Amino acid sequence: FVDEVSRDTPAPGGGSIAALAGALGAALASMVANLTQTGAPE
């Protein structure tokens, strides 16, 4: 994927990378929430 972004083509570009960044941020949030077995509604 990183290699594909680095090639001399206009896509994938910043929009795809922005989505990937958000997906990784959401994944980290899910990981921490699921690791903490307190049952808190939050």
Full PDB file with SEQRES, HELIX, SHEET, SSBOND, CRYST1, ORIGX, SCALE, CONECT and MASTER records, all heavy atoms in Angstrom:
SEQRES   1 A   42  PHE VAL ASP GLU VAL SER ARG ASP THR PRO ALA PRO GLY          
SEQRES   2 A   42  GLY GLY SER ILE ALA ALA LEU ALA GLY ALA LEU GLY ALA          
SEQRES   3 A   42  ALA LEU ALA SER MET VAL ALA ASN LEU THR GLN THR GLY          
SEQRES   4 A   42  ALA PRO GLU                                                  
HELIX    1 AA1 VAL A    2  SER A    6  1                                   5    
HELIX    2 AA2 GLY A   14  LEU A   35  1                                  22    
CRYST1    1.000    1.000    1.000  90.00  90.00  90.00 P 1           1          
ORIGX1      1.000000  0.000000  0.000000        0.00000                         
ORIGX2      0.000000  1.000000  0.000000        0.00000                         
ORIGX3      0.000000  0.000000  1.000000        0.00000                         
SCALE1      1.000000  0.000000  0.000000        0.00000                         
SCALE2      0.000000  1.000000  0.000000        0.00000                         
SCALE3      0.000000  0.000000  1.000000        0.00000                         
ATOM      1  N   PHE A   1       0.837  -1.199   0.000  1.00  0.00           N  
ATOM      2  CA  PHE A   1       0.000   0.000   0.000  1.00  0.00           C  
ATOM      3  C   PHE A   1       0.877   1.257   0.000  1.00  0.00           C  
ATOM      4  O   PHE A   1       0.666   2.198  -0.774  1.00  0.00           O  
ATOM      5  CB  PHE A   1      -0.929  -0.047   1.215  1.00  0.00           C  
ATOM      6  CG  PHE A   1      -1.913   1.106   1.299  1.00  0.00           C  
ATOM      7  CD1 PHE A   1      -2.258   1.842   0.179  1.00  0.00           C  
ATOM      8  CD2 PHE A   1      -2.499   1.432   2.500  1.00  0.00           C  
ATOM      9  CE1 PHE A   1      -3.180   2.878   0.253  1.00  0.00           C  
ATOM     10  CE2 PHE A   1      -3.408   2.475   2.600  1.00  0.00           C  
ATOM     11  CZ  PHE A   1      -3.752   3.199   1.466  1.00  0.00           C  
ATOM     12  N   VAL A   2       1.878   1.267   0.868  1.00  0.00           N  
ATOM     13  CA  VAL A   2       2.782   2.423   0.927  1.00  0.00           C  
ATOM     14  C   VAL A   2       3.485   2.611  -0.420  1.00  0.00           C  
ATOM     15  O   VAL A   2       3.620   3.743  -0.914  1.00  0.00           O  
ATOM     16  CB  VAL A   2       3.799   2.250   2.065  1.00  0.00           C  
ATOM     17  CG1 VAL A   2       4.852   3.351   2.011  1.00  0.00           C  
ATOM     18  CG2 VAL A   2       3.091   2.263   3.420  1.00  0.00           C  
ATOM     19  N   ASP A   3       3.918   1.521  -1.021  1.00  0.00           N  
ATOM     20  CA  ASP A   3       4.563   1.618  -2.334  1.00  0.00           C  
ATOM     21  C   ASP A   3       3.597   2.189  -3.374  1.00  0.00           C  
ATOM     22  O   ASP A   3       3.987   3.018  -4.206  1.00  0.00           O  
ATOM     23  CB  ASP A   3       5.035   0.236  -2.795  1.00  0.00           C  
ATOM     24  CG  ASP A   3       6.307  -0.215  -2.090  1.00  0.00           C  
ATOM     25  OD1 ASP A   3       6.963   0.645  -1.459  1.00  0.00           O  
ATOM     26  OD2 ASP A   3       6.631  -1.416  -2.155  1.00  0.00           O  
ATOM     27  N   GLU A   4       2.347   1.754  -3.318  1.00  0.00           N  
ATOM     28  CA  GLU A   4       1.359   2.223  -4.294  1.00  0.00           C  
ATOM     29  C   GLU A   4       1.138   3.729  -4.165  1.00  0.00           C  
ATOM     30  O   GLU A   4       1.040   4.440  -5.170  1.00  0.00           O  
ATOM     31  CB  GLU A   4       0.031   1.479  -4.094  1.00  0.00           C  
ATOM     32  CG  GLU A   4      -1.062   1.828  -5.086  1.00  0.00           C  
ATOM     33  CD  GLU A   4      -0.737   1.413  -6.500  1.00  0.00           C  
ATOM     34  OE1 GLU A   4       0.121   0.505  -6.693  1.00  0.00           O  
ATOM     35  OE2 GLU A   4      -1.327   1.987  -7.438  1.00  0.00           O  
ATOM     36  N   VAL A   5       1.098   4.214  -2.937  1.00  0.00           N  
ATOM     37  CA  VAL A   5       0.936   5.653  -2.718  1.00  0.00           C  
ATOM     38  C   VAL A   5       2.133   6.413  -3.270  1.00  0.00           C  
ATOM     39  O   VAL A   5       1.996   7.519  -3.821  1.00  0.00           O  
ATOM     40  CB  VAL A   5       0.756   5.953  -1.214  1.00  0.00           C  
ATOM     41  CG1 VAL A   5       0.737   7.466  -0.958  1.00  0.00           C  
ATOM     42  CG2 VAL A   5      -0.546   5.329  -0.694  1.00  0.00           C  
ATOM     43  N   SER A   6       3.307   5.835  -3.159  1.00  0.00           N  
ATOM     44  CA  SER A   6       4.538   6.542  -3.538  1.00  0.00           C  
ATOM     45  C   SER A   6       4.764   6.617  -5.039  1.00  0.00           C  
ATOM     46  O   SER A   6       5.657   7.328  -5.502  1.00  0.00           O  
ATOM     47  CB  SER A   6       5.750   5.858  -2.884  1.00  0.00           C  
ATOM     48  OG  SER A   6       6.027   4.613  -3.527  1.00  0.00           O  
ATOM     49  N   ARG A   7       3.954   5.910  -5.849  1.00  0.00           N  
ATOM     50  CA  ARG A   7       4.177   5.902  -7.299  1.00  0.00           C  
ATOM     51  C   ARG A   7       3.720   7.204  -7.943  1.00  0.00           C  
ATOM     52  O   ARG A   7       2.992   7.990  -7.355  1.00  0.00           O  
ATOM     53  CB  ARG A   7       3.461   4.703  -7.925  1.00  0.00           C  
ATOM     54  CG  ARG A   7       4.076   3.367  -7.515  1.00  0.00           C  
ATOM     55  CD  ARG A   7       3.594   2.203  -8.363  1.00  0.00           C  
ATOM     56  NE  ARG A   7       4.396   1.021  -8.070  1.00  0.00           N  
ATOM     57  CZ  ARG A   7       4.023   0.027  -7.265  1.00  0.00           C  
ATOM     58  NH1 ARG A   7       2.833   0.076  -6.680  1.00  0.00           N  
ATOM     59  NH2 ARG A   7       4.818  -0.986  -7.045  1.00  0.00           N  
ATOM     60  N   ASP A   8       4.106   7.387  -9.177  1.00  0.00           N  
ATOM     61  CA  ASP A   8       3.813   8.636  -9.895  1.00  0.00           C  
ATOM     62  C   ASP A   8       2.422   8.604 -10.536  1.00  0.00           C  
ATOM     63  O   ASP A   8       2.244   8.803 -11.728  1.00  0.00           O  
ATOM     64  CB  ASP A   8       4.889   8.903 -10.957  1.00  0.00           C  
ATOM     65  CG  ASP A   8       5.016   7.755 -11.954  1.00  0.00           C  
ATOM     66  OD1 ASP A   8       4.420   6.674 -11.707  1.00  0.00           O  
ATOM     67  OD2 ASP A   8       5.689   7.938 -12.984  1.00  0.00           O  
ATOM     68  N   THR A   9       1.441   8.328  -9.716  1.00  0.00           N  
ATOM     69  CA  THR A   9       0.036   8.368 -10.143  1.00  0.00           C  
ATOM     70  C   THR A   9      -0.721   9.236  -9.155  1.00  0.00           C  
ATOM     71  O   THR A   9      -0.388   9.282  -7.969  1.00  0.00           O  
ATOM     72  CB  THR A   9      -0.579   6.954 -10.161  1.00  0.00           C  
ATOM     73  OG1 THR A   9      -0.417   6.348  -8.878  1.00  0.00           O  
ATOM     74  CG2 THR A   9       0.085   6.082 -11.217  1.00  0.00           C  
ATOM     75  N   PRO A  10      -1.794   9.945  -9.601  1.00  0.00           N  
ATOM     76  CA  PRO A  10      -2.498  10.864  -8.699  1.00  0.00           C  
ATOM     77  C   PRO A  10      -3.355  10.183  -7.640  1.00  0.00           C  
ATOM     78  O   PRO A  10      -3.754  10.823  -6.661  1.00  0.00           O  
ATOM     79  CB  PRO A  10      -3.364  11.691  -9.656  1.00  0.00           C  
ATOM     80  CG  PRO A  10      -3.557  10.820 -10.845  1.00  0.00           C  
ATOM     81  CD  PRO A  10      -2.294  10.025 -10.992  1.00  0.00           C  
ATOM     82  N   ALA A  11      -3.665   8.920  -7.830  1.00  0.00           N  
ATOM     83  CA  ALA A  11      -4.467   8.199  -6.840  1.00  0.00           C  
ATOM     84  C   ALA A  11      -3.844   6.816  -6.623  1.00  0.00           C  
ATOM     85  O   ALA A  11      -3.361   6.194  -7.576  1.00  0.00           O  
ATOM     86  CB  ALA A  11      -5.904   8.049  -7.319  1.00  0.00           C  
ATOM     87  N   PRO A  12      -3.838   6.345  -5.370  1.00  0.00           N  
ATOM     88  CA  PRO A  12      -4.368   6.966  -4.153  1.00  0.00           C  
ATOM     89  C   PRO A  12      -3.546   8.175  -3.710  1.00  0.00           C  
ATOM     90  O   PRO A  12      -2.341   8.228  -3.924  1.00  0.00           O  
ATOM     91  CB  PRO A  12      -4.291   5.848  -3.118  1.00  0.00           C  
ATOM     92  CG  PRO A  12      -3.139   4.997  -3.590  1.00  0.00           C  
ATOM     93  CD  PRO A  12      -3.223   5.024  -5.092  1.00  0.00           C  
ATOM     94  N   GLY A  13      -4.284   9.115  -3.088  1.00  0.00           N  
ATOM     95  CA  GLY A  13      -3.615  10.326  -2.627  1.00  0.00           C  
ATOM     96  C   GLY A  13      -4.020  10.693  -1.216  1.00  0.00           C  
ATOM     97  O   GLY A  13      -4.329   9.827  -0.396  1.00  0.00           O  
ATOM     98  N   GLY A  14      -4.040  12.001  -0.962  1.00  0.00           N  
ATOM     99  CA  GLY A  14      -4.270  12.488   0.395  1.00  0.00           C  
ATOM    100  C   GLY A  14      -5.607  12.077   0.980  1.00  0.00           C  
ATOM    101  O   GLY A  14      -5.714  11.856   2.191  1.00  0.00           O  
ATOM    102  N   GLY A  15      -6.645  11.980   0.138  1.00  0.00           N  
ATOM    103  CA  GLY A  15      -7.953  11.587   0.654  1.00  0.00           C  
ATOM    104  C   GLY A  15      -7.951  10.179   1.214  1.00  0.00           C  
ATOM    105  O   GLY A  15      -8.501   9.915   2.298  1.00  0.00           O  
ATOM    106  N   SER A  16      -7.326   9.252   0.505  1.00  0.00           N  
ATOM    107  CA  SER A  16      -7.243   7.871   0.979  1.00  0.00           C  
ATOM    108  C   SER A  16      -6.398   7.781   2.254  1.00  0.00           C  
ATOM    109  O   SER A  16      -6.724   7.030   3.181  1.00  0.00           O  
ATOM    110  CB  SER A  16      -6.642   6.970  -0.107  1.00  0.00           C  
ATOM    111  OG  SER A  16      -7.532   6.837  -1.192  1.00  0.00           O  
ATOM    112  N   ILE A  17      -5.324   8.546   2.296  1.00  0.00           N  
ATOM    113  CA  ILE A  17      -4.452   8.508   3.470  1.00  0.00           C  
ATOM    114  C   ILE A  17      -5.153   9.131   4.673  1.00  0.00           C  
ATOM    115  O   ILE A  17      -5.003   8.675   5.815  1.00  0.00           O  
ATOM    116  CB  ILE A  17      -3.113   9.236   3.188  1.00  0.00           C  
ATOM    117  CG1 ILE A  17      -2.402   8.567   2.001  1.00  0.00           C  
ATOM    118  CG2 ILE A  17      -2.225   9.223   4.423  1.00  0.00           C  
ATOM    119  CD1 ILE A  17      -2.233   7.070   2.136  1.00  0.00           C  
ATOM    120  N   ALA A  18      -5.950  10.180   4.451  1.00  0.00           N  
ATOM    121  CA  ALA A  18      -6.732  10.763   5.543  1.00  0.00           C  
ATOM    122  C   ALA A  18      -7.686   9.727   6.123  1.00  0.00           C  
ATOM    123  O   ALA A  18      -7.833   9.605   7.347  1.00  0.00           O  
ATOM    124  CB  ALA A  18      -7.505  11.979   5.040  1.00  0.00           C  
ATOM    125  N   ALA A  19      -8.341   8.958   5.247  1.00  0.00           N  
ATOM    126  CA  ALA A  19      -9.266   7.914   5.713  1.00  0.00           C  
ATOM    127  C   ALA A  19      -8.512   6.833   6.484  1.00  0.00           C  
ATOM    128  O   ALA A  19      -8.984   6.343   7.529  1.00  0.00           O  
ATOM    129  CB  ALA A  19     -10.008   7.310   4.527  1.00  0.00           C  
ATOM    130  N   LEU A  20      -7.343   6.450   5.981  1.00  0.00           N  
ATOM    131  CA  LEU A  20      -6.549   5.440   6.677  1.00  0.00           C  
ATOM    132  C   LEU A  20      -6.122   5.939   8.052  1.00  0.00           C  
ATOM    133  O   LEU A  20      -6.159   5.197   9.036  1.00  0.00           O  
ATOM    134  CB  LEU A  20      -5.316   5.081   5.841  1.00  0.00           C  
ATOM    135  CG  LEU A  20      -4.357   4.067   6.469  1.00  0.00           C  
ATOM    136  CD1 LEU A  20      -5.056   2.738   6.737  1.00  0.00           C  
ATOM    137  CD2 LEU A  20      -3.134   3.853   5.589  1.00  0.00           C  
ATOM    138  N   ALA A  21      -5.718   7.221   8.143  1.00  0.00           N  
ATOM    139  CA  ALA A  21      -5.319   7.784   9.433  1.00  0.00           C  
ATOM    140  C   ALA A  21      -6.473   7.709  10.418  1.00  0.00           C  
ATOM    141  O   ALA A  21      -6.302   7.293  11.578  1.00  0.00           O  
ATOM    142  CB  ALA A  21      -4.866   9.234   9.246  1.00  0.00           C  
ATOM    143  N   GLY A  22      -7.671   8.084   9.963  1.00  0.00           N  
ATOM    144  CA  GLY A  22      -8.829   8.021  10.848  1.00  0.00           C  
ATOM    145  C   GLY A  22      -9.155   6.602  11.268  1.00  0.00           C  
ATOM    146  O   GLY A  22      -9.531   6.345  12.418  1.00  0.00           O  
ATOM    147  N   ALA A  23      -9.022   5.653  10.340  1.00  0.00           N  
ATOM    148  CA  ALA A  23      -9.303   4.253  10.653  1.00  0.00           C  
ATOM    149  C   ALA A  23      -8.356   3.736  11.731  1.00  0.00           C  
ATOM    150  O   ALA A  23      -8.765   3.012  12.651  1.00  0.00           O  
ATOM    151  CB  ALA A  23      -9.194   3.407   9.390  1.00  0.00           C  
ATOM    152  N   LEU A  24      -7.081   4.102  11.637  1.00  0.00           N  
ATOM    153  CA  LEU A  24      -6.113   3.677  12.651  1.00  0.00           C  
ATOM    154  C   LEU A  24      -6.411   4.328  14.005  1.00  0.00           C  
ATOM    155  O   LEU A  24      -6.288   3.683  15.057  1.00  0.00           O  
ATOM    156  CB  LEU A  24      -4.701   4.032  12.189  1.00  0.00           C  
ATOM    157  CG  LEU A  24      -4.171   3.226  10.998  1.00  0.00           C  
ATOM    158  CD1 LEU A  24      -2.865   3.818  10.475  1.00  0.00           C  
ATOM    159  CD2 LEU A  24      -3.984   1.762  11.389  1.00  0.00           C  
ATOM    160  N   GLY A  25      -6.811   5.604  13.984  1.00  0.00           N  
ATOM    161  CA  GLY A  25      -7.184   6.259  15.239  1.00  0.00           C  
ATOM    162  C   GLY A  25      -8.385   5.599  15.884  1.00  0.00           C  
ATOM    163  O   GLY A  25      -8.417   5.382  17.101  1.00  0.00           O  
ATOM    164  N   ALA A  26      -9.396   5.252  15.066  1.00  0.00           N  
ATOM    165  CA  ALA A  26     -10.581   4.566  15.585  1.00  0.00           C  
ATOM    166  C   ALA A  26     -10.210   3.186  16.123  1.00  0.00           C  
ATOM    167  O   ALA A  26     -10.733   2.736  17.151  1.00  0.00           O  
ATOM    168  CB  ALA A  26     -11.632   4.446  14.485  1.00  0.00           C  
ATOM    169  N   ALA A  27      -9.297   2.495  15.433  1.00  0.00           N  
ATOM    170  CA  ALA A  27      -8.882   1.160  15.875  1.00  0.00           C  
ATOM    171  C   ALA A  27      -8.215   1.233  17.244  1.00  0.00           C  
ATOM    172  O   ALA A  27      -8.446   0.366  18.113  1.00  0.00           O  
ATOM    173  CB  ALA A  27      -7.937   0.544  14.847  1.00  0.00           C  
ATOM    174  N   LEU A  28      -7.390   2.239  17.472  1.00  0.00           N  
ATOM    175  CA  LEU A  28      -6.748   2.400  18.783  1.00  0.00           C  
ATOM    176  C   LEU A  28      -7.784   2.685  19.868  1.00  0.00           C  
ATOM    177  O   LEU A  28      -7.696   2.155  20.984  1.00  0.00           O  
ATOM    178  CB  LEU A  28      -5.723   3.532  18.725  1.00  0.00           C  
ATOM    179  CG  LEU A  28      -4.394   3.196  18.040  1.00  0.00           C  
ATOM    180  CD1 LEU A  28      -3.598   4.478  17.788  1.00  0.00           C  
ATOM    181  CD2 LEU A  28      -3.588   2.216  18.881  1.00  0.00           C  
ATOM    182  N   ALA A  29      -8.781   3.511  19.547  1.00  0.00           N  
ATOM    183  CA  ALA A  29      -9.842   3.790  20.522  1.00  0.00           C  
ATOM    184  C   ALA A  29     -10.592   2.520  20.872  1.00  0.00           C  
ATOM    185  O   ALA A  29     -10.887   2.252  22.049  1.00  0.00           O  
ATOM    186  CB  ALA A  29     -10.802   4.832  19.944  1.00  0.00           C  
ATOM    187  N   SER A  30     -10.906   1.709  19.870  1.00  0.00           N  
ATOM    188  CA  SER A  30     -11.609   0.449  20.108  1.00  0.00           C  
ATOM    189  C   SER A  30     -10.765  -0.503  20.955  1.00  0.00           C  
ATOM    190  O   SER A  30     -11.262  -1.155  21.875  1.00  0.00           O  
ATOM    191  CB  SER A  30     -11.949  -0.212  18.768  1.00  0.00           C  
ATOM    192  OG  SER A  30     -12.534  -1.477  18.964  1.00  0.00           O  
ATOM    193  N   MET A  31      -9.479  -0.567  20.641  1.00  0.00           N  
ATOM    194  CA  MET A  31      -8.591  -1.459  21.383  1.00  0.00           C  
ATOM    195  C   MET A  31      -8.610  -1.132  22.871  1.00  0.00           C  
ATOM    196  O   MET A  31      -8.786  -2.018  23.717  1.00  0.00           O  
ATOM    197  CB  MET A  31      -7.165  -1.335  20.849  1.00  0.00           C  
ATOM    198  CG  MET A  31      -6.139  -2.184  21.587  1.00  0.00           C  
ATOM    199  SD  MET A  31      -4.432  -1.738  21.170  1.00  0.00           S  
ATOM    200  CE  MET A  31      -4.196  -0.284  22.194  1.00  0.00           C  
ATOM    201  N   VAL A  32      -8.454   0.138  23.220  1.00  0.00           N  
ATOM    202  CA  VAL A  32      -8.397   0.528  24.631  1.00  0.00           C  
ATOM    203  C   VAL A  32      -9.742   0.291  25.312  1.00  0.00           C  
ATOM    204  O   VAL A  32      -9.809  -0.220  26.431  1.00  0.00           O  
ATOM    205  CB  VAL A  32      -7.969   2.004  24.766  1.00  0.00           C  
ATOM    206  CG1 VAL A  32      -8.036   2.446  26.221  1.00  0.00           C  
ATOM    207  CG2 VAL A  32      -6.546   2.178  24.231  1.00  0.00           C  
ATOM    208  N   ALA A  33     -10.832   0.642  24.622  1.00  0.00           N  
ATOM    209  CA  ALA A  33     -12.158   0.443  25.204  1.00  0.00           C  
ATOM    210  C   ALA A  33     -12.420  -1.034  25.458  1.00  0.00           C  
ATOM    211  O   ALA A  33     -12.982  -1.414  26.493  1.00  0.00           O  
ATOM    212  CB  ALA A  33     -13.227   1.023  24.288  1.00  0.00           C  
ATOM    213  N   ASN A  34     -12.016  -1.898  24.550  1.00  0.00           N  
ATOM    214  CA  ASN A  34     -12.269  -3.331  24.704  1.00  0.00           C  
ATOM    215  C   ASN A  34     -11.307  -3.992  25.687  1.00  0.00           C  
ATOM    216  O   ASN A  34     -11.640  -5.021  26.286  1.00  0.00           O  
ATOM    217  CB  ASN A  34     -12.187  -4.021  23.344  1.00  0.00           C  
ATOM    218  CG  ASN A  34     -13.391  -3.727  22.470  1.00  0.00           C  
ATOM    219  OD1 ASN A  34     -14.500  -3.571  22.967  1.00  0.00           O  
ATOM    220  ND2 ASN A  34     -13.185  -3.644  21.167  1.00  0.00           N  
ATOM    221  N   LEU A  35     -10.125  -3.432  25.845  1.00  0.00           N  
ATOM    222  CA  LEU A  35      -9.170  -3.986  26.816  1.00  0.00           C  
ATOM    223  C   LEU A  35      -9.607  -3.734  28.257  1.00  0.00           C  
ATOM    224  O   LEU A  35      -9.283  -4.498  29.160  1.00  0.00           O  
ATOM    225  CB  LEU A  35      -7.784  -3.377  26.598  1.00  0.00           C  
ATOM    226  CG  LEU A  35      -6.902  -4.010  25.527  1.00  0.00           C  
ATOM    227  CD1 LEU A  35      -5.657  -3.161  25.325  1.00  0.00           C  
ATOM    228  CD2 LEU A  35      -6.526  -5.431  25.920  1.00  0.00           C  
ATOM    229  N   THR A  36     -10.321  -2.626  28.472  1.00  0.00           N  
ATOM    230  CA  THR A  36     -10.707  -2.244  29.833  1.00  0.00           C  
ATOM    231  C   THR A  36     -12.024  -2.904  30.183  1.00  0.00           C  
ATOM    232  O   THR A  36     -13.087  -2.455  29.783  1.00  0.00           O  
ATOM    233  CB  THR A  36     -10.839  -0.711  29.951  1.00  0.00           C  
ATOM    234  OG1 THR A  36      -9.666  -0.110  29.388  1.00  0.00           O  
ATOM    235  CG2 THR A  36     -10.989  -0.297  31.399  1.00  0.00           C  
ATOM    236  N   GLN A  37     -11.970  -3.999  30.904  1.00  0.00           N  
ATOM    237  CA  GLN A  37     -13.163  -4.785  31.203  1.00  0.00           C  
ATOM    238  C   GLN A  37     -13.865  -4.268  32.464  1.00  0.00           C  
ATOM    239  O   GLN A  37     -13.996  -4.957  33.466  1.00  0.00           O  
ATOM    240  CB  GLN A  37     -12.779  -6.259  31.378  1.00  0.00           C  
ATOM    241  CG  GLN A  37     -12.171  -6.894  30.142  1.00  0.00           C  
ATOM    242  CD  GLN A  37     -13.157  -7.016  28.995  1.00  0.00           C  
ATOM    243  OE1 GLN A  37     -14.327  -7.250  29.216  1.00  0.00           O  
ATOM    244  NE2 GLN A  37     -12.679  -6.840  27.776  1.00  0.00           N  
ATOM    245  N   THR A  38     -14.360  -3.045  32.395  1.00  0.00           N  
ATOM    246  CA  THR A  38     -15.070  -2.501  33.559  1.00  0.00           C  
ATOM    247  C   THR A  38     -16.568  -2.493  33.362  1.00  0.00           C  
ATOM    248  O   THR A  38     -17.327  -2.325  34.303  1.00  0.00           O  
ATOM    249  CB  THR A  38     -14.629  -1.048  33.820  1.00  0.00           C  
ATOM    250  OG1 THR A  38     -15.051  -0.236  32.715  1.00  0.00           O  
ATOM    251  CG2 THR A  38     -13.134  -0.955  33.984  1.00  0.00           C  
ATOM    252  N   GLY A  39     -17.005  -2.675  32.114  1.00  0.00           N  
ATOM    253  CA  GLY A  39     -18.431  -2.635  31.842  1.00  0.00           C  
ATOM    254  C   GLY A  39     -19.009  -1.240  31.880  1.00  0.00           C  
ATOM    255  O   GLY A  39     -20.225  -1.056  31.866  1.00  0.00           O  
ATOM    256  N   ALA A  40     -18.162  -0.214  31.961  1.00  0.00           N  
ATOM    257  CA  ALA A  40     -18.655   1.159  32.008  1.00  0.00           C  
ATOM    258  C   ALA A  40     -19.383   1.487  30.713  1.00  0.00           C  
ATOM    259  O   ALA A  40     -18.900   1.163  29.632  1.00  0.00           O  
ATOM    260  CB  ALA A  40     -17.488   2.123  32.205  1.00  0.00           C  
ATOM    261  N   PRO A  41     -20.567   2.132  30.817  1.00  0.00           N  
ATOM    262  CA  PRO A  41     -21.317   2.461  29.591  1.00  0.00           C  
ATOM    263  C   PRO A  41     -20.533   3.357  28.652  1.00  0.00           C  
ATOM    264  O   PRO A  41     -20.689   3.280  27.434  1.00  0.00           O  
ATOM    265  CB  PRO A  41     -22.579   3.157  30.125  1.00  0.00           C  
ATOM    266  CG  PRO A  41     -22.248   3.579  31.531  1.00  0.00           C  
ATOM    267  CD  PRO A  41     -21.274   2.563  32.033  1.00  0.00           C  
ATOM    268  N   GLU A  42     -19.674   4.222  29.204  1.00  0.00           N  
ATOM    269  CA  GLU A  42     -18.873   5.092  28.349  1.00  0.00           C  
ATOM    270  C   GLU A  42     -17.908   4.291  27.471  1.00  0.00           C  
ATOM    271  O   GLU A  42     -17.649   4.649  26.324  1.00  0.00           O  
ATOM    272  CB  GLU A  42     -18.081   6.091  29.199  1.00  0.00           C  
ATOM    273  CG  GLU A  42     -18.930   7.106  29.945  1.00  0.00           C  
ATOM    274  CD  GLU A  42     -19.416   6.570  31.290  1.00  0.00           C  
ATOM    275  OE1 GLU A  42     -19.112   5.394  31.615  1.00  0.00           O  
ATOM    276  OE2 GLU A  42     -20.090   7.328  32.004  1.00  0.00           O  
TER     277      GLU A  42                                                      
MASTER        0    0    0    2    0    0    0    6  276    1    0    4          
END                                                                             
